[in-house]
Amino acid sequence: MRRKLIVGLALFSMLGAGIINGQESTNLKVITMSKLANDTRVFAIDPEISVQGVRFKNRFGVELAGHLYLPQNFDASKKYAAIAVCGPFGAVKEQASGLYAQEMARRGFVAVAFDPSFTGESEGQPRYVASPDINTEDFSAAVDFLSLLDFVDPDRVGIIGICGWGGLALNAAAIDTRIKATVTSTMYDMSRVNANGYFDAMDDDARYELKQQLNTQRLEDARNGRYTLAGGVADVLPDDAPWFVKDYHAYYKTKRGYHKRSLNSNSGWNKTSALSFINTPQLAYSDEIRSAVLMIHGEKAHSRYFSEDAFKKLRGDNKELLIIPDATHVDLYDNFGKIPFDKIEQFFHDYLK
């Protein structure tokens, strides 16, 4: 047992020092800040909140784009608690994540809303691809960014994940012990929904057929030299469309939430993105999260079961599931009458202190 431990530590040291195969480690620390050149945020902008465009790299070398929100009466000599926000899945920082970040700044926090790798104004090729590993890393990269700011206390950093980024936020909290508090809002488990379909309707045979279709698509993409997009929310819905699809349409395809860089508002994800989620389940170690977690979901959300089931696995008296009466999935994107911002503020004040 002792020999295994020594070998493991030696391998870890080699990886950390970047000396495997004679390669030196590469410094990926890149942080830039600038005024917003072209403000295309879709929500009501609070003129009292200062916002800057920022860029920083993740561990894979992908440069991420974000909006940094500073509290009213910001004092650079102080040390603030800070929050990284991302989601929904297929959205951009100018949509719901920006709204959440602005609201947290109004309540005294430094907050950054960012575009995930390969989407929005963030870099990375190919475009419009998702990965449970890389997207979990995106959250940790945002924690890196916030922790390096002179006016942020690195011991008081939390995260908010919306929709599919709720599951990724839990995944990040399970591996990144620097995250002191996590809020999930209207959470999806993207691995589960890709592997099992909505409401776990797919059996093994259906999943095998799906994998065949996706790998056929992969070969076609390789032949064509380009990736086929799955399509976002349809421009026109049939009358018999599921109500939750109509709920998405009311946000992504109208002035309420449409954005030209949003995948859901336009051509959607790379079709084969589902492969990595099917093969890489999230939340395997969510029961080991020791930091505080607040999970929020709408009573009438089609996705409510994701939060309820994920919550059952969490341990500790610093975990809470809050169900919002009469709220749908999309209500928690931008409906101030439904999003419990007072509760979220108090949660972060309690655990980022």
Protein backbone atom coordinates (compact mmCIF):
# COMPACT_ATOMS: atom_id res chain seq x y z
CA MET A 1 0.00 0.00 0.00
CA ARG A 2 2.85 2.37 0.92
CA ARG A 3 4.61 1.60 -2.39
CA LYS A 4 1.42 2.41 -4.34
CA LEU A 5 1.11 5.71 -2.49
CA ILE A 6 4.72 6.65 -3.23
CA VAL A 7 4.32 5.77 -6.91
CA GLY A 8 1.11 7.78 -7.09
CA LEU A 9 2.73 10.82 -5.49
CA ALA A 10 5.72 10.53 -7.81
CA LEU A 11 3.46 10.47 -10.88
CA PHE A 12 1.52 13.43 -9.53
CA SER A 13 4.75 15.36 -9.03
CA MET A 14 5.86 14.62 -12.59
CA LEU A 15 2.55 15.82 -13.97
CA GLY A 16 2.59 18.94 -11.83
CA ALA A 17 6.12 19.80 -12.84
CA GLY A 18 5.39 19.12 -16.50
CA ILE A 19 8.50 16.95 -17.01
CA ILE A 20 6.89 13.91 -18.64
CA ASN A 21 8.50 13.31 -22.05
CA GLY A 22 10.91 16.13 -21.33
CA GLN A 23 8.26 18.82 -21.78
CA GLU A 24 8.30 21.87 -19.57
CA SER A 25 5.05 23.21 -18.16
CA THR A 26 3.32 26.02 -20.03
CA ASN A 27 2.05 29.08 -18.22
CA LEU A 28 -1.56 29.58 -19.30
CA LYS A 29 -2.27 32.55 -17.06
CA VAL A 30 -3.82 35.15 -19.33
CA ILE A 31 -6.15 37.79 -17.94
CA THR A 32 -7.33 40.84 -19.83
CA MET A 33 -9.98 43.44 -19.03
CA SER A 34 -11.61 46.04 -21.25
CA LYS A 35 -14.73 48.13 -21.64
CA LEU A 36 -17.62 46.45 -23.44
CA ALA A 37 -17.15 47.36 -27.09
CA ASN A 38 -20.62 46.27 -28.15
CA ASP A 39 -23.16 45.71 -25.41
CA THR A 40 -25.72 43.16 -26.60
CA ARG A 41 -27.14 42.00 -23.26
CA VAL A 42 -30.79 40.98 -23.53
CA PHE A 43 -31.89 41.87 -19.99
CA ALA A 44 -32.50 45.23 -18.30
CA ILE A 45 -29.13 46.83 -17.60
CA ASP A 46 -28.51 48.47 -14.23
CA PRO A 47 -26.48 51.65 -14.93
CA GLU A 48 -25.24 51.64 -11.32
CA ILE A 49 -23.33 48.40 -11.88
CA SER A 50 -19.95 48.62 -13.61
CA VAL A 51 -19.20 45.81 -16.07
CA GLN A 52 -16.02 44.99 -17.96
CA GLY A 53 -15.20 42.52 -20.69
CA VAL A 54 -12.65 39.96 -19.49
CA ARG A 55 -10.72 37.05 -20.98
CA PHE A 56 -8.92 34.21 -19.21
CA LYS A 57 -7.69 30.74 -20.11
CA ASN A 58 -8.74 27.35 -18.80
CA ARG A 59 -6.45 24.40 -18.11
CA PHE A 60 -6.83 23.20 -21.71
CA GLY A 61 -5.57 26.52 -23.04
CA VAL A 62 -8.96 27.69 -24.30
CA GLU A 63 -9.44 31.43 -23.79
CA LEU A 64 -12.82 32.19 -22.25
CA ALA A 65 -14.74 35.44 -22.60
CA GLY A 66 -16.67 36.89 -19.69
CA HIS A 67 -18.37 39.95 -18.26
CA LEU A 68 -17.10 41.05 -14.85
CA TYR A 69 -19.71 42.83 -12.71
CA LEU A 70 -18.55 45.07 -9.86
CA PRO A 71 -20.72 46.11 -6.89
CA GLN A 72 -22.13 49.58 -6.39
CA ASN A 73 -19.61 51.89 -4.72
CA PHE A 74 -16.86 49.46 -5.66
CA ASP A 75 -13.64 49.96 -3.68
CA ALA A 76 -10.57 48.28 -5.19
CA SER A 77 -8.83 48.35 -1.80
CA LYS A 78 -11.38 45.94 -0.33
CA LYS A 79 -11.52 42.15 -0.54
CA TYR A 80 -14.89 40.99 -1.90
CA ALA A 81 -16.62 37.64 -2.03
CA ALA A 82 -16.98 36.57 -5.65
CA ILE A 83 -19.26 34.37 -7.75
CA ALA A 84 -18.80 32.74 -11.17
CA VAL A 85 -22.01 32.22 -13.18
CA CYS A 86 -22.69 30.15 -16.29
CA GLY A 87 -25.67 28.75 -18.18
CA PRO A 88 -28.16 27.86 -19.37
CA PHE A 89 -26.78 25.10 -21.58
CA GLY A 90 -26.57 26.58 -25.08
CA ALA A 91 -26.89 30.18 -23.88
CA VAL A 92 -24.34 33.00 -23.69
CA LYS A 93 -23.23 35.45 -21.02
CA GLU A 94 -25.50 38.16 -22.42
CA GLN A 95 -28.54 36.07 -21.43
CA ALA A 96 -29.54 34.55 -18.07
CA SER A 97 -26.06 34.17 -16.58
CA GLY A 98 -25.43 37.89 -17.05
CA LEU A 99 -28.72 38.71 -15.39
CA TYR A 100 -27.77 36.59 -12.36
CA ALA A 101 -24.28 38.09 -12.22
CA GLN A 102 -25.61 41.65 -12.40
CA GLU A 103 -28.09 40.94 -9.62
CA MET A 104 -25.39 39.44 -7.38
CA ALA A 105 -23.25 42.54 -7.99
CA ARG A 106 -26.23 44.70 -6.96
CA ARG A 107 -26.15 42.75 -3.70
CA GLY A 108 -22.48 43.39 -3.01
CA PHE A 109 -20.61 40.56 -4.72
CA VAL A 110 -18.05 40.61 -7.50
CA ALA A 111 -19.46 38.34 -10.21
CA VAL A 112 -18.36 37.03 -13.58
CA ALA A 113 -20.67 35.56 -16.23
CA PHE A 114 -18.76 33.69 -18.91
CA ASP A 115 -19.20 31.90 -22.22
CA PRO A 116 -18.20 28.21 -22.12
CA SER A 117 -15.39 26.85 -24.27
CA PHE A 118 -16.19 26.67 -28.00
CA THR A 119 -19.23 28.96 -27.72
CA GLY A 120 -20.15 32.64 -27.71
CA GLU A 121 -17.13 34.94 -27.67
CA SER A 122 -14.92 32.29 -26.08
CA GLU A 123 -12.31 30.60 -28.23
CA GLY A 124 -11.81 26.94 -29.09
CA GLN A 125 -12.20 24.76 -32.16
CA PRO A 126 -14.37 23.15 -33.33
CA ARG A 127 -17.20 25.53 -32.54
CA TYR A 128 -20.40 24.59 -30.75
CA VAL A 129 -19.15 21.43 -29.06
CA ALA A 130 -19.73 20.53 -25.41
CA SER A 131 -17.72 18.27 -23.11
CA PRO A 132 -18.43 17.32 -19.48
CA ASP A 133 -14.70 17.44 -18.72
CA ILE A 134 -13.84 20.71 -20.44
CA ASN A 135 -17.03 22.46 -19.32
CA THR A 136 -16.45 21.44 -15.70
CA GLU A 137 -12.95 22.86 -16.09
CA ASP A 138 -14.47 26.11 -17.38
CA PHE A 139 -15.96 26.71 -13.92
CA SER A 140 -12.61 26.06 -12.24
CA ALA A 141 -10.93 28.44 -14.70
CA ALA A 142 -13.43 31.12 -13.67
CA VAL A 143 -12.49 30.43 -10.04
CA ASP A 144 -8.82 30.86 -11.03
CA PHE A 145 -9.67 34.18 -12.65
CA LEU A 146 -11.63 35.53 -9.69
CA SER A 147 -9.08 34.30 -7.15
CA LEU A 148 -6.27 36.20 -8.88
CA LEU A 149 -8.07 39.55 -8.72
CA ASP A 150 -6.54 41.83 -6.09
CA PHE A 151 -9.97 42.87 -4.83
CA VAL A 152 -11.31 39.31 -4.38
CA ASP A 153 -10.77 37.12 -1.31
CA PRO A 154 -9.79 33.73 -2.82
CA ASP A 155 -11.22 31.97 0.23
CA ARG A 156 -14.70 33.41 -0.50
CA VAL A 157 -15.53 32.22 -4.01
CA GLY A 158 -18.77 30.51 -5.05
CA ILE A 159 -20.48 29.49 -8.28
CA ILE A 160 -23.96 29.53 -9.82
CA GLY A 161 -24.93 27.06 -12.55
CA ILE A 162 -28.17 27.48 -14.50
CA CYS A 163 -29.93 24.66 -16.38
CA GLY A 164 -27.31 22.23 -17.78
CA TRP A 165 -24.66 24.25 -16.06
CA GLY A 166 -26.28 23.39 -12.75
CA GLY A 167 -25.12 19.80 -13.12
CA LEU A 168 -21.71 21.02 -14.26
CA ALA A 169 -21.55 23.31 -11.21
CA LEU A 170 -22.09 20.34 -8.90
CA ASN A 171 -19.48 18.42 -10.88
CA ALA A 172 -17.05 21.30 -10.37
CA ALA A 173 -17.81 21.54 -6.65
CA ALA A 174 -17.07 17.82 -6.32
CA ILE A 175 -13.49 18.25 -7.61
CA ASP A 176 -12.61 21.87 -6.80
CA THR A 177 -12.29 22.40 -3.06
CA ARG A 178 -11.73 26.14 -3.58
CA ILE A 179 -15.44 26.48 -4.35
CA LYS A 180 -16.96 27.34 -0.99
CA ALA A 181 -20.63 27.53 -2.01
CA THR A 182 -22.65 26.37 -5.01
CA VAL A 183 -26.10 27.35 -6.27
CA THR A 184 -27.86 25.36 -8.98
CA SER A 185 -30.90 26.89 -10.62
CA THR A 186 -33.35 24.79 -12.69
CA MET A 187 -30.64 22.12 -13.04
CA TYR A 188 -30.22 19.57 -15.81
CA ASP A 189 -27.96 16.51 -15.58
CA MET A 190 -26.72 16.59 -19.17
CA SER A 191 -25.12 13.15 -18.97
CA ARG A 192 -28.36 11.60 -17.78
CA VAL A 193 -30.63 13.28 -20.32
CA ASN A 194 -28.28 12.47 -23.20
CA ALA A 195 -27.87 8.84 -22.16
CA ASN A 196 -31.43 8.13 -21.02
CA GLY A 197 -33.63 10.68 -22.78
CA TYR A 198 -36.20 12.82 -21.02
CA PHE A 199 -37.75 11.16 -17.98
CA ASP A 200 -35.34 8.21 -18.47
CA ALA A 201 -37.48 6.90 -21.33
CA MET A 202 -34.65 5.13 -23.21
CA ASP A 203 -33.72 1.52 -22.53
CA ASP A 204 -30.41 -0.14 -23.46
CA ASP A 205 -31.55 -0.93 -27.00
CA ALA A 206 -32.72 2.63 -27.62
CA ARG A 207 -29.43 3.98 -26.31
CA TYR A 208 -27.48 1.59 -28.56
CA GLU A 209 -29.47 2.79 -31.56
CA LEU A 210 -28.72 6.39 -30.59
CA LYS A 211 -25.00 5.62 -30.37
CA GLN A 212 -25.14 4.05 -33.82
CA GLN A 213 -26.79 7.17 -35.22
CA LEU A 214 -24.26 9.47 -33.56
CA ASN A 215 -21.28 7.47 -34.78
CA THR A 216 -22.72 7.37 -38.30
CA GLN A 217 -22.98 11.15 -38.05
CA ARG A 218 -19.40 11.31 -36.81
CA LEU A 219 -18.13 9.45 -39.88
CA GLU A 220 -20.19 11.68 -42.16
CA ASP A 221 -18.70 14.75 -40.49
CA ALA A 222 -15.21 13.33 -40.97
CA ARG A 223 -15.86 12.75 -44.67
CA ASN A 224 -17.29 16.24 -45.13
CA GLY A 225 -14.59 17.95 -43.09
CA ARG A 226 -17.13 19.86 -41.03
CA TYR A 227 -19.47 19.28 -38.11
CA THR A 228 -23.22 19.19 -38.63
CA LEU A 229 -25.25 21.27 -36.17
CA ALA A 230 -28.29 19.83 -34.44
CA GLY A 231 -30.41 22.99 -34.65
CA GLY A 232 -31.56 25.14 -31.76
CA VAL A 233 -35.14 25.90 -30.76
CA ALA A 234 -37.29 25.85 -33.90
CA ASP A 235 -38.44 29.18 -35.33
CA VAL A 236 -42.01 27.91 -35.60
CA LEU A 237 -43.43 25.26 -33.28
CA PRO A 238 -46.23 22.83 -34.12
CA ASP A 239 -49.38 23.23 -32.07
CA ASP A 240 -48.75 19.91 -30.34
CA ALA A 241 -45.20 20.77 -29.23
CA PRO A 242 -44.53 19.84 -25.57
CA TRP A 243 -45.30 22.71 -23.25
CA PHE A 244 -41.73 22.91 -22.01
CA VAL A 245 -40.51 23.35 -25.61
CA LYS A 246 -42.96 26.23 -25.93
CA ASP A 247 -41.46 27.57 -22.70
CA TYR A 248 -37.99 27.50 -24.29
CA HIS A 249 -39.34 29.15 -27.45
CA ALA A 250 -40.82 32.01 -25.46
CA TYR A 251 -37.33 32.81 -24.17
CA TYR A 252 -34.84 31.93 -26.89
CA LYS A 253 -36.82 32.94 -29.99
CA THR A 254 -38.36 36.23 -28.85
CA LYS A 255 -37.04 39.65 -27.82
CA ARG A 256 -37.23 38.43 -24.25
CA GLY A 257 -34.08 36.32 -24.59
CA TYR A 258 -32.93 35.96 -28.21
CA HIS A 259 -29.23 36.51 -28.84
CA LYS A 260 -27.37 36.11 -32.10
CA ARG A 261 -24.56 34.09 -30.48
CA SER A 262 -26.83 31.80 -28.47
CA LEU A 263 -26.79 28.21 -29.76
CA ASN A 264 -30.34 27.64 -28.53
CA SER A 265 -31.54 30.77 -30.32
CA ASN A 266 -29.93 29.70 -33.60
CA SER A 267 -28.32 26.56 -35.07
CA GLY A 268 -27.67 24.59 -31.90
CA TRP A 269 -24.86 22.29 -30.83
CA ASN A 270 -22.59 20.07 -32.87
CA LYS A 271 -24.71 16.89 -33.33
CA THR A 272 -22.07 14.56 -31.94
CA SER A 273 -21.61 16.48 -28.66
CA ALA A 274 -23.93 13.98 -27.02
CA LEU A 275 -21.32 11.21 -27.37
CA SER A 276 -19.08 12.49 -24.59
CA PHE A 277 -21.98 13.06 -22.20
CA ILE A 278 -23.37 9.57 -22.81
CA ASN A 279 -19.98 8.03 -22.08
CA THR A 280 -18.98 10.28 -19.16
CA PRO A 281 -21.56 10.42 -16.36
CA GLN A 282 -21.50 13.52 -14.19
CA LEU A 283 -21.97 13.69 -10.44
CA ALA A 284 -20.10 10.43 -9.70
CA TYR A 285 -18.53 12.06 -6.63
CA SER A 286 -21.21 14.59 -5.72
CA ASP A 287 -21.68 12.80 -2.39
CA GLU A 288 -18.17 14.00 -1.49
CA ILE A 289 -19.02 17.71 -1.80
CA ARG A 290 -18.30 19.16 1.63
CA SER A 291 -19.01 22.79 0.78
CA ALA A 292 -22.49 24.31 0.89
CA VAL A 293 -25.02 23.66 -1.88
CA LEU A 294 -28.38 25.33 -2.59
CA MET A 295 -30.45 23.67 -5.32
CA ILE A 296 -33.40 25.65 -6.71
CA HIS A 297 -36.08 24.30 -9.02
CA GLY A 298 -39.55 25.20 -10.20
CA GLU A 299 -42.52 23.19 -8.98
CA LYS A 300 -43.88 22.87 -12.52
CA ALA A 301 -40.56 22.40 -14.31
CA HIS A 302 -40.29 19.34 -16.56
CA SER A 303 -36.70 19.06 -15.31
CA ARG A 304 -37.50 19.04 -11.60
CA TYR A 305 -36.52 15.38 -11.20
CA PHE A 306 -32.89 16.19 -12.01
CA SER A 307 -32.55 18.37 -8.91
CA GLU A 308 -34.59 16.10 -6.67
CA ASP A 309 -32.53 13.03 -7.56
CA ALA A 310 -29.18 14.85 -7.41
CA PHE A 311 -30.08 16.29 -4.01
CA LYS A 312 -30.69 12.80 -2.58
CA LYS A 313 -27.03 11.97 -3.11
CA LEU A 314 -25.66 15.05 -1.32
CA ARG A 315 -24.47 14.75 2.26
CA GLY A 316 -24.31 17.21 5.11
CA ASP A 317 -26.56 19.75 6.80
CA ASN A 318 -25.22 22.54 4.56
CA LYS A 319 -27.24 21.25 1.58
CA GLU A 320 -30.73 22.53 0.69
CA LEU A 321 -33.31 21.91 -2.04
CA LEU A 322 -35.75 24.77 -2.62
CA ILE A 323 -38.83 24.20 -4.82
CA ILE A 324 -40.41 27.41 -6.13
CA PRO A 325 -44.24 27.24 -6.25
CA ASP A 326 -45.81 27.48 -9.73
CA ALA A 327 -42.44 28.11 -11.42
CA THR A 328 -41.53 26.44 -14.72
CA HIS A 329 -38.02 25.61 -15.93
CA VAL A 330 -37.57 28.84 -17.89
CA ASP A 331 -39.14 31.03 -15.19
CA LEU A 332 -35.84 30.69 -13.34
CA TYR A 333 -33.93 32.17 -16.28
CA ASP A 334 -35.23 35.72 -15.94
CA ASN A 335 -38.45 35.97 -13.93
CA PHE A 336 -37.68 38.19 -10.93
CA GLY A 337 -40.99 37.20 -9.40
CA LYS A 338 -39.84 33.57 -9.28
CA ILE A 339 -36.04 33.61 -8.89
CA PRO A 340 -35.36 33.70 -5.10
CA PHE A 341 -32.53 36.23 -5.19
CA ASP A 342 -33.00 37.14 -1.51
CA LYS A 343 -32.47 33.49 -0.61
CA ILE A 344 -29.44 33.20 -2.91
CA GLU A 345 -27.93 36.37 -1.41
CA GLN A 346 -28.38 35.10 2.14
CA PHE A 347 -26.93 31.71 1.20
CA PHE A 348 -23.75 33.28 -0.15
CA HIS A 349 -23.48 35.68 2.80
CA ASP A 350 -23.72 32.67 5.13
CA TYR A 351 -21.12 30.53 3.39
CA LEU A 352 -18.74 33.06 1.79
CA LYS A 353 -17.66 34.71 5.00
